[in-house]
N, C-alpha and C. Protein backbone atom coordinates (compact mmCIF):
# COMPACT_ATOMS: atom_id res chain seq x y z
N UNK A 1 93.89 99.45 71.15
CA UNK A 1 93.81 98.68 72.08
C UNK A 1 94.35 99.17 72.91
N UNK A 2 93.85 98.50 74.57
CA UNK A 2 94.74 99.01 74.87
C UNK A 2 94.94 97.11 75.25
N UNK A 3 96.39 96.53 76.06
CA UNK A 3 96.47 95.53 76.00
C UNK A 3 96.01 94.53 77.84
N UNK A 4 96.06 94.48 77.82
CA UNK A 4 95.13 93.11 79.02
C UNK A 4 95.91 92.29 79.37
N UNK A 5 97.71 92.88 80.51
CA UNK A 5 98.42 91.88 81.56
C UNK A 5 97.10 90.41 82.25
N UNK A 6 98.20 89.31 82.03
CA UNK A 6 97.48 88.69 82.80
C UNK A 6 97.43 89.07 84.67
N UNK A 7 97.83 89.77 85.45
CA UNK A 7 98.26 90.33 86.67
C UNK A 7 97.06 91.17 86.61
N UNK A 8 96.66 91.79 85.69
CA UNK A 8 95.98 93.46 85.87
C UNK A 8 94.89 93.46 87.28
N UNK A 9 94.34 94.03 88.01
CA UNK A 9 93.64 93.79 88.70
C UNK A 9 92.38 95.45 87.78
N UNK A 10 91.64 94.56 87.14
CA UNK A 10 90.60 95.78 85.98
C UNK A 10 88.72 95.24 87.02
N UNK A 11 88.79 94.44 87.65
CA UNK A 11 87.11 95.00 88.53
C UNK A 11 87.85 94.22 89.47
N UNK A 12 87.48 95.25 90.16
CA UNK A 12 88.11 94.97 91.90
C UNK A 12 87.41 93.47 92.40
N UNK A 13 88.23 92.56 92.82
CA UNK A 13 88.09 90.84 93.07
C UNK A 13 87.94 91.09 94.76
N UNK A 14 88.08 92.24 95.47
CA UNK A 14 87.66 91.63 96.99
C UNK A 14 87.18 93.94 97.17
N UNK A 15 86.98 93.71 98.58
CA UNK A 15 86.16 95.65 98.28
C UNK A 15 85.79 94.72 99.96
N UNK A 16 86.05 94.75 101.49
CA UNK A 16 85.55 95.51 102.88
C UNK A 16 86.18 96.41 103.61
N UNK A 17 84.57 96.24 103.52
CA UNK A 17 84.32 97.74 104.58
C UNK A 17 83.58 96.87 106.97
N UNK A 18 85.40 97.39 106.95
CA UNK A 18 85.51 97.11 108.90
C UNK A 18 84.98 98.84 109.46
N UNK A 19 84.35 98.63 110.83
CA UNK A 19 84.92 99.24 111.46
C UNK A 19 84.64 99.00 112.84
N UNK A 20 85.17 99.72 113.86
CA UNK A 20 84.85 99.61 115.19
C UNK A 20 84.59 100.86 116.11
N UNK A 21 82.83 100.28 116.84
CA UNK A 21 82.75 101.54 117.77
C UNK A 21 83.51 100.99 119.25
N UNK A 22 84.17 102.01 120.01
CA UNK A 22 84.20 101.13 121.52
C UNK A 22 83.65 102.73 122.05
N UNK A 23 82.11 103.65 122.42
CA UNK A 23 81.68 104.42 123.26
C UNK A 23 83.15 104.58 125.20
N UNK A 24 82.77 103.68 125.07
CA UNK A 24 83.49 104.04 126.30
C UNK A 24 84.78 104.28 125.98
N UNK A 25 85.81 103.44 125.13
CA UNK A 25 87.29 103.80 124.18
C UNK A 25 87.21 105.58 123.53
N UNK A 26 85.67 105.92 123.50
CA UNK A 26 86.03 106.88 122.40
C UNK A 26 86.50 106.87 121.65
N UNK A 27 86.36 105.91 120.51
CA UNK A 27 86.41 105.33 119.39
C UNK A 27 84.98 105.56 117.89
N UNK A 28 85.56 105.18 117.52
CA UNK A 28 84.80 105.36 115.91
C UNK A 28 85.52 106.18 114.56
N UNK A 29 85.67 104.69 114.82
CA UNK A 29 86.81 104.20 113.50
C UNK A 29 86.09 103.31 112.34
N UNK A 30 87.20 103.57 111.19
CA UNK A 30 86.05 102.30 110.33
C UNK A 30 87.54 102.69 109.10
N UNK A 31 87.42 101.07 108.31
CA UNK A 31 88.93 100.49 106.89
C UNK A 31 88.26 100.01 106.51
N UNK A 32 88.89 100.26 104.79
CA UNK A 32 89.03 99.63 104.25
C UNK A 32 89.35 98.72 103.54
N UNK A 33 89.59 97.81 102.83
CA UNK A 33 90.20 97.51 102.05
C UNK A 33 89.96 97.11 100.60
N UNK A 34 90.56 97.41 99.40
CA UNK A 34 89.42 97.27 98.58
C UNK A 34 91.06 96.70 97.35
N UNK A 35 90.86 95.56 96.70
CA UNK A 35 92.41 95.50 95.88
C UNK A 35 91.30 95.84 93.59
N UNK A 36 92.52 96.05 93.21
CA UNK A 36 91.56 97.05 92.55
C UNK A 36 93.26 97.78 91.30
N UNK A 37 93.11 98.06 90.38
CA UNK A 37 94.34 98.79 89.21
C UNK A 37 94.14 100.43 90.02
N UNK A 38 95.01 100.97 90.23
CA UNK A 38 95.58 101.90 90.08
C UNK A 38 96.50 102.74 88.49
N UNK A 39 96.33 104.25 88.31
CA UNK A 39 97.36 104.71 87.42
C UNK A 39 98.44 104.57 87.59
N UNK A 40 99.39 103.78 88.52
CA UNK A 40 100.73 103.67 88.13
C UNK A 40 101.25 101.69 88.00
N UNK A 41 100.00 101.37 88.85
CA UNK A 41 99.99 99.76 89.51
C UNK A 41 99.05 99.01 88.42
N UNK A 42 99.05 98.18 87.95
CA UNK A 42 98.45 97.35 87.33
C UNK A 42 97.69 96.81 88.28
N UNK A 43 97.96 96.42 89.73
CA UNK A 43 97.28 95.05 90.85
C UNK A 43 97.47 96.18 91.69
N UNK A 44 96.88 96.12 93.13
CA UNK A 44 97.21 97.03 93.96
C UNK A 44 95.86 96.66 95.10
N UNK A 45 96.14 96.77 96.80
CA UNK A 45 95.44 96.17 97.89
C UNK A 45 95.63 97.79 97.91
N UNK A 46 94.38 98.59 98.52
CA UNK A 46 94.07 100.02 98.61
C UNK A 46 93.54 99.46 100.18
N UNK A 47 94.75 101.23 101.22
CA UNK A 47 93.23 100.57 101.72
C UNK A 47 93.40 102.48 103.14
N UNK A 48 92.37 102.90 103.08
CA UNK A 48 91.92 103.12 103.81
C UNK A 48 91.03 103.95 105.22
N UNK A 49 91.04 104.52 106.03
CA UNK A 49 90.71 104.85 107.21
C UNK A 49 90.76 105.80 107.62
N UNK A 50 89.83 105.73 109.15
CA UNK A 50 89.42 106.98 109.73
C UNK A 50 88.02 106.66 110.53
N UNK A 51 87.60 108.00 111.59
CA UNK A 51 86.93 108.01 111.93
C UNK A 51 85.25 108.68 110.96
N UNK A 52 84.44 107.96 112.22
CA UNK A 52 83.05 108.19 111.01
C UNK A 52 83.03 109.42 111.85
N UNK A 53 83.08 110.00 112.52
CA UNK A 53 82.56 111.21 113.03
C UNK A 53 83.54 112.59 112.04
N UNK A 54 83.97 112.07 111.62
CA UNK A 54 84.74 113.25 110.74
C UNK A 54 84.74 113.02 109.23
N UNK A 55 85.16 113.86 108.33
CA UNK A 55 86.07 113.87 106.82
C UNK A 55 87.08 113.21 107.05
N UNK A 56 88.30 114.02 108.09
CA UNK A 56 89.98 113.40 107.96
C UNK A 56 89.09 111.47 107.77
N UNK A 57 90.87 111.10 106.40
CA UNK A 57 90.46 110.34 106.52
C UNK A 57 92.09 110.11 105.89
N UNK A 58 92.69 108.82 105.79
CA UNK A 58 94.59 108.71 105.43
C UNK A 58 94.37 107.50 104.98
N UNK A 59 94.94 107.07 104.15
CA UNK A 59 94.97 105.98 102.41
C UNK A 59 96.32 105.83 102.70
N UNK A 60 96.40 104.46 101.64
CA UNK A 60 98.09 103.97 101.63
C UNK A 60 97.47 103.42 100.27
N UNK A 61 98.32 102.59 99.38
CA UNK A 61 98.31 102.09 98.19
C UNK A 61 99.80 101.22 98.42
N UNK A 62 99.42 99.29 98.40
CA UNK A 62 100.44 98.47 98.36
C UNK A 62 99.96 97.80 97.28
N UNK A 63 101.63 98.44 96.43
CA UNK A 63 101.63 97.63 95.28
C UNK A 63 101.80 95.93 94.65
N UNK A 64 101.32 95.28 94.40
CA UNK A 64 101.65 94.06 93.90
C UNK A 64 102.26 93.43 92.73
N UNK A 65 102.26 91.95 92.44
CA UNK A 65 102.59 91.59 91.58
C UNK A 65 101.71 90.82 90.72
N UNK A 66 100.21 90.18 91.19
CA UNK A 66 99.26 89.60 90.66
C UNK A 66 97.48 89.65 91.27
N UNK A 67 96.95 88.77 90.79
CA UNK A 67 95.90 89.22 91.15
C UNK A 67 95.80 88.59 92.51
N UNK A 68 95.92 87.54 92.19
CA UNK A 68 96.10 86.46 93.35
C UNK A 68 96.80 87.61 94.87
N UNK A 69 98.17 87.65 94.74
CA UNK A 69 98.64 87.74 95.05
C UNK A 69 97.82 89.01 97.20
N UNK A 70 97.18 89.64 96.11
CA UNK A 70 97.16 90.83 96.27
C UNK A 70 95.50 90.43 97.31
N UNK A 71 94.87 89.40 97.17
CA UNK A 71 93.62 88.90 97.54
C UNK A 71 93.82 87.92 98.81
N UNK A 72 95.29 87.63 98.72
CA UNK A 72 95.66 87.10 99.77
C UNK A 72 96.61 88.56 100.48
N UNK A 73 96.97 89.80 100.61
CA UNK A 73 97.23 90.53 100.99
C UNK A 73 95.89 91.42 101.99
N UNK A 74 95.12 91.97 101.40
CA UNK A 74 93.93 92.44 101.17
C UNK A 74 92.90 90.81 102.42
N UNK A 75 93.63 89.68 102.33
CA UNK A 75 92.81 88.62 103.52
C UNK A 75 93.75 88.49 104.64
N UNK A 76 94.49 89.20 105.35
CA UNK A 76 95.75 89.46 105.59
C UNK A 76 95.77 90.51 106.45
N UNK A 77 94.51 91.52 105.85
CA UNK A 77 94.98 92.32 106.27
C UNK A 77 93.45 92.49 107.58
N UNK A 78 92.59 92.32 106.74
CA UNK A 78 91.45 91.29 106.89
C UNK A 78 91.29 91.60 108.26
N UNK A 79 91.87 90.33 108.50
CA UNK A 79 91.89 88.85 109.01
C UNK A 79 92.52 90.19 111.00
N UNK A 80 94.00 90.78 110.47
CA UNK A 80 94.06 90.95 111.64
C UNK A 80 93.24 92.05 112.35
N UNK A 81 92.55 92.88 111.19
CA UNK A 81 91.93 94.10 111.73
C UNK A 81 90.82 93.27 113.05
N UNK A 82 90.45 92.33 112.32
CA UNK A 82 89.06 91.46 112.80
C UNK A 82 89.74 91.18 113.76
N UNK A 83 90.79 90.86 114.41
CA UNK A 83 91.47 90.13 115.54
C UNK A 83 91.77 91.71 116.43
N UNK A 84 92.22 92.50 115.86
CA UNK A 84 92.20 93.90 116.69
C UNK A 84 91.07 93.94 116.73
N UNK A 85 89.19 93.37 116.64
CA UNK A 85 88.42 93.99 117.45
C UNK A 85 87.38 95.08 116.60
N UNK A 86 87.11 94.78 115.62
CA UNK A 86 86.58 95.46 114.18
C UNK A 86 86.41 94.23 113.84
N UNK A 87 84.59 94.26 113.46
CA UNK A 87 83.33 93.79 112.05
C UNK A 87 83.72 94.21 111.09
N UNK A 88 83.94 93.48 110.65
CA UNK A 88 83.00 93.55 108.52
C UNK A 88 81.49 94.29 108.80
N UNK A 89 81.17 96.07 108.54
CA UNK A 89 80.02 96.63 108.05
C UNK A 89 79.17 95.70 106.84
N UNK A 90 78.30 95.94 107.98
CA UNK A 90 76.77 95.18 107.04
C UNK A 90 75.88 96.87 106.37
N UNK A 91 76.24 97.25 106.86
CA UNK A 91 75.43 98.57 106.44
C UNK A 91 73.87 98.81 107.21
N UNK A 92 73.06 97.71 108.24
CA UNK A 92 72.46 97.71 109.07
C UNK A 92 72.60 97.87 110.21
N UNK A 93 73.64 98.24 110.46
CA UNK A 93 74.21 99.48 112.19
C UNK A 93 75.00 101.00 111.87
N UNK A 94 74.67 101.96 112.93
CA UNK A 94 75.44 103.49 112.28
C UNK A 94 75.42 103.40 113.94
């Protein structure tokens, strides 16, 4: 069987989808921040972003030592995006 490490993030403790829509500036962006385990890291912050009107996207993995550290890093990223005008996406807006 698999040995569960103390610092592993087997269940995502945080997933936040943000969007920034500003038609006058031609901005129609989304940003996703998630805490989860990956193939190479037992705990990591996954960040993905792109435009809502096309399929192109970019993403990166930020490896961390613990799920507590992952939550802190993810919260800091979300806070920074909110300061830059992103809104937490509720699904009701399109």
